[in-house]
Amino acid sequence: MIGFPLRITNGTVASLLRMKQLEKFADLPGLEIAEEQRRCGAKVNELIDRLVDGIVQNPRKSWVLEQFVPTLRAACEEDTEARERFGRYFEQIMDVLGIESSDGMLTYYLAFGGDDVA
């Protein structure tokens, strides 16, 4: 149910802010991956910033999923290993916000590259 209203509390926002402070993509395999870790981590943190800035005024699943789109598009440009990790961060954010499902959105972008998406 995409228009599902969310219950957002100060604790919800604090959890997102704590998530932003965590190191991201630390388990990304490969050599010389510091730039990839930085770039991907920055994209996740930008998403968290968008959510923190607007979730209280827009406590709806549909709004959250709209905020996911720019980050999902950026994730599509990364390799499979990074996309898998992006997926974990999206799922963690959804857990914090009480969203049970992306209604196929994560699979569409992360598994199939979001082909033909406007």
Protein backbone atom coordinates (compact mmCIF):
# COMPACT_ATOMS: atom_id res chain seq x y z
CA MET A 1 0.00 0.00 0.00
CA ILE A 2 1.96 2.94 -1.33
CA GLY A 3 0.02 5.78 0.40
CA PHE A 4 0.48 4.11 3.76
CA PRO A 5 0.89 6.73 6.54
CA LEU A 6 3.96 6.31 8.73
CA ARG A 7 4.28 6.88 12.45
CA ILE A 8 7.28 9.19 12.75
CA THR A 9 8.64 10.10 16.17
CA ASN A 10 11.70 11.94 17.43
CA GLY A 11 13.18 8.47 17.95
CA THR A 12 12.64 7.65 14.29
CA VAL A 13 14.54 10.74 13.19
CA ALA A 14 17.27 10.05 15.76
CA SER A 15 17.66 6.51 14.39
CA LEU A 16 18.12 7.88 10.88
CA LEU A 17 20.72 10.35 12.14
CA ARG A 18 22.58 7.55 13.94
CA MET A 19 22.53 5.53 10.73
CA LYS A 20 24.07 8.47 8.88
CA GLN A 21 27.02 8.48 11.28
CA LEU A 22 27.90 4.83 10.62
CA GLU A 23 30.66 3.85 8.22
CA LYS A 24 29.16 2.57 5.00
CA PHE A 25 30.31 0.06 2.38
CA ALA A 26 33.16 -1.07 4.66
CA ASP A 27 32.66 -4.68 3.53
CA LEU A 28 32.84 -3.85 -0.18
CA PRO A 29 35.33 -6.30 -1.73
CA GLY A 30 38.18 -5.40 -4.01
CA LEU A 31 41.38 -3.44 -4.16
CA GLU A 32 41.60 0.32 -4.23
CA ILE A 33 37.95 0.76 -3.33
CA ALA A 34 38.22 3.84 -1.12
CA GLU A 35 36.73 6.11 -3.78
CA GLU A 36 33.85 3.71 -4.41
CA GLN A 37 33.16 3.46 -0.68
CA ARG A 38 33.21 7.25 -0.34
CA ARG A 39 30.96 7.81 -3.37
CA CYS A 40 28.41 5.15 -2.42
CA GLY A 41 28.39 6.13 1.25
CA ALA A 42 27.80 9.76 0.29
CA LYS A 43 24.77 8.73 -1.80
CA VAL A 44 23.24 6.87 1.14
CA ASN A 45 23.93 9.81 3.45
CA GLU A 46 22.30 12.20 0.95
CA LEU A 47 19.20 10.00 1.03
CA ILE A 48 19.17 10.05 4.82
CA ASP A 49 19.49 13.85 4.76
CA ARG A 50 16.48 14.12 2.41
CA LEU A 51 14.47 11.86 4.67
CA VAL A 52 15.42 13.69 7.86
CA ASP A 53 14.63 17.04 6.25
CA GLY A 54 11.14 16.05 5.11
CA ILE A 55 9.80 12.95 6.83
CA VAL A 56 7.99 14.81 9.61
CA GLN A 57 6.10 16.91 7.06
CA ASN A 58 5.59 13.96 4.69
CA PRO A 59 5.03 10.84 6.82
CA ARG A 60 3.94 8.61 3.93
CA LYS A 61 5.43 5.54 2.35
CA SER A 62 4.92 7.03 -1.12
CA TRP A 63 6.98 10.09 -0.21
CA VAL A 64 9.79 7.93 1.18
CA LEU A 65 9.89 5.81 -1.96
CA GLU A 66 10.05 8.98 -4.06
CA GLN A 67 13.12 10.00 -2.04
CA PHE A 68 14.70 6.63 -2.79
CA VAL A 69 14.64 7.15 -6.58
CA PRO A 70 17.73 9.40 -7.00
CA THR A 71 19.79 7.06 -4.82
CA LEU A 72 18.46 4.00 -6.61
CA ARG A 73 19.45 5.54 -9.94
CA ALA A 74 22.94 6.22 -8.60
CA ALA A 75 23.15 2.64 -7.33
CA CYS A 76 22.35 1.35 -10.82
CA GLU A 77 25.63 2.88 -12.01
CA GLU A 78 27.62 0.76 -9.56
CA ASP A 79 28.72 -2.85 -9.80
CA THR A 80 26.71 -5.76 -8.43
CA GLU A 81 28.59 -5.88 -5.12
CA ALA A 82 27.82 -2.22 -4.40
CA ARG A 83 24.18 -2.56 -5.52
CA GLU A 84 23.69 -5.44 -3.08
CA ARG A 85 24.99 -3.28 -0.27
CA PHE A 86 22.82 -0.34 -1.34
CA GLY A 87 19.89 -2.73 -1.01
CA ARG A 88 20.81 -3.46 2.60
CA TYR A 89 20.87 0.24 3.43
CA PHE A 90 17.47 0.78 1.81
CA GLU A 91 16.08 -2.12 3.82
CA GLN A 92 17.56 -0.74 7.06
CA ILE A 93 15.99 2.64 6.37
CA MET A 94 12.65 0.99 5.62
CA ASP A 95 12.89 -0.93 8.92
CA VAL A 96 13.52 2.30 10.84
CA LEU A 97 10.52 3.93 9.15
CA GLY A 98 8.22 0.93 9.58
CA ILE A 99 7.92 0.20 5.85
CA GLU A 100 7.51 -3.52 5.23
CA SER A 101 7.89 -3.52 1.45
CA SER A 102 9.07 -1.34 -1.40
CA ASP A 103 6.40 -2.99 -3.58
CA GLY A 104 9.07 -4.28 -5.96
CA MET A 105 10.88 -0.98 -6.37
CA LEU A 106 14.20 -2.14 -4.91
CA THR A 107 14.23 -5.30 -7.00
CA TYR A 108 13.39 -3.38 -10.14
CA TYR A 109 16.26 -0.96 -9.74
CA LEU A 110 18.90 -3.04 -8.00
CA ALA A 111 18.41 -6.35 -9.79
CA PHE A 112 17.33 -5.12 -13.20
CA GLY A 113 18.96 -1.69 -13.36
CA GLY A 114 15.70 0.26 -13.56
CA ASP A 115 15.62 0.04 -17.34
CA ASP A 116 13.20 2.39 -19.06
CA VAL A 117 12.45 4.36 -15.90
CA ALA A 118 11.66 8.03 -16.41
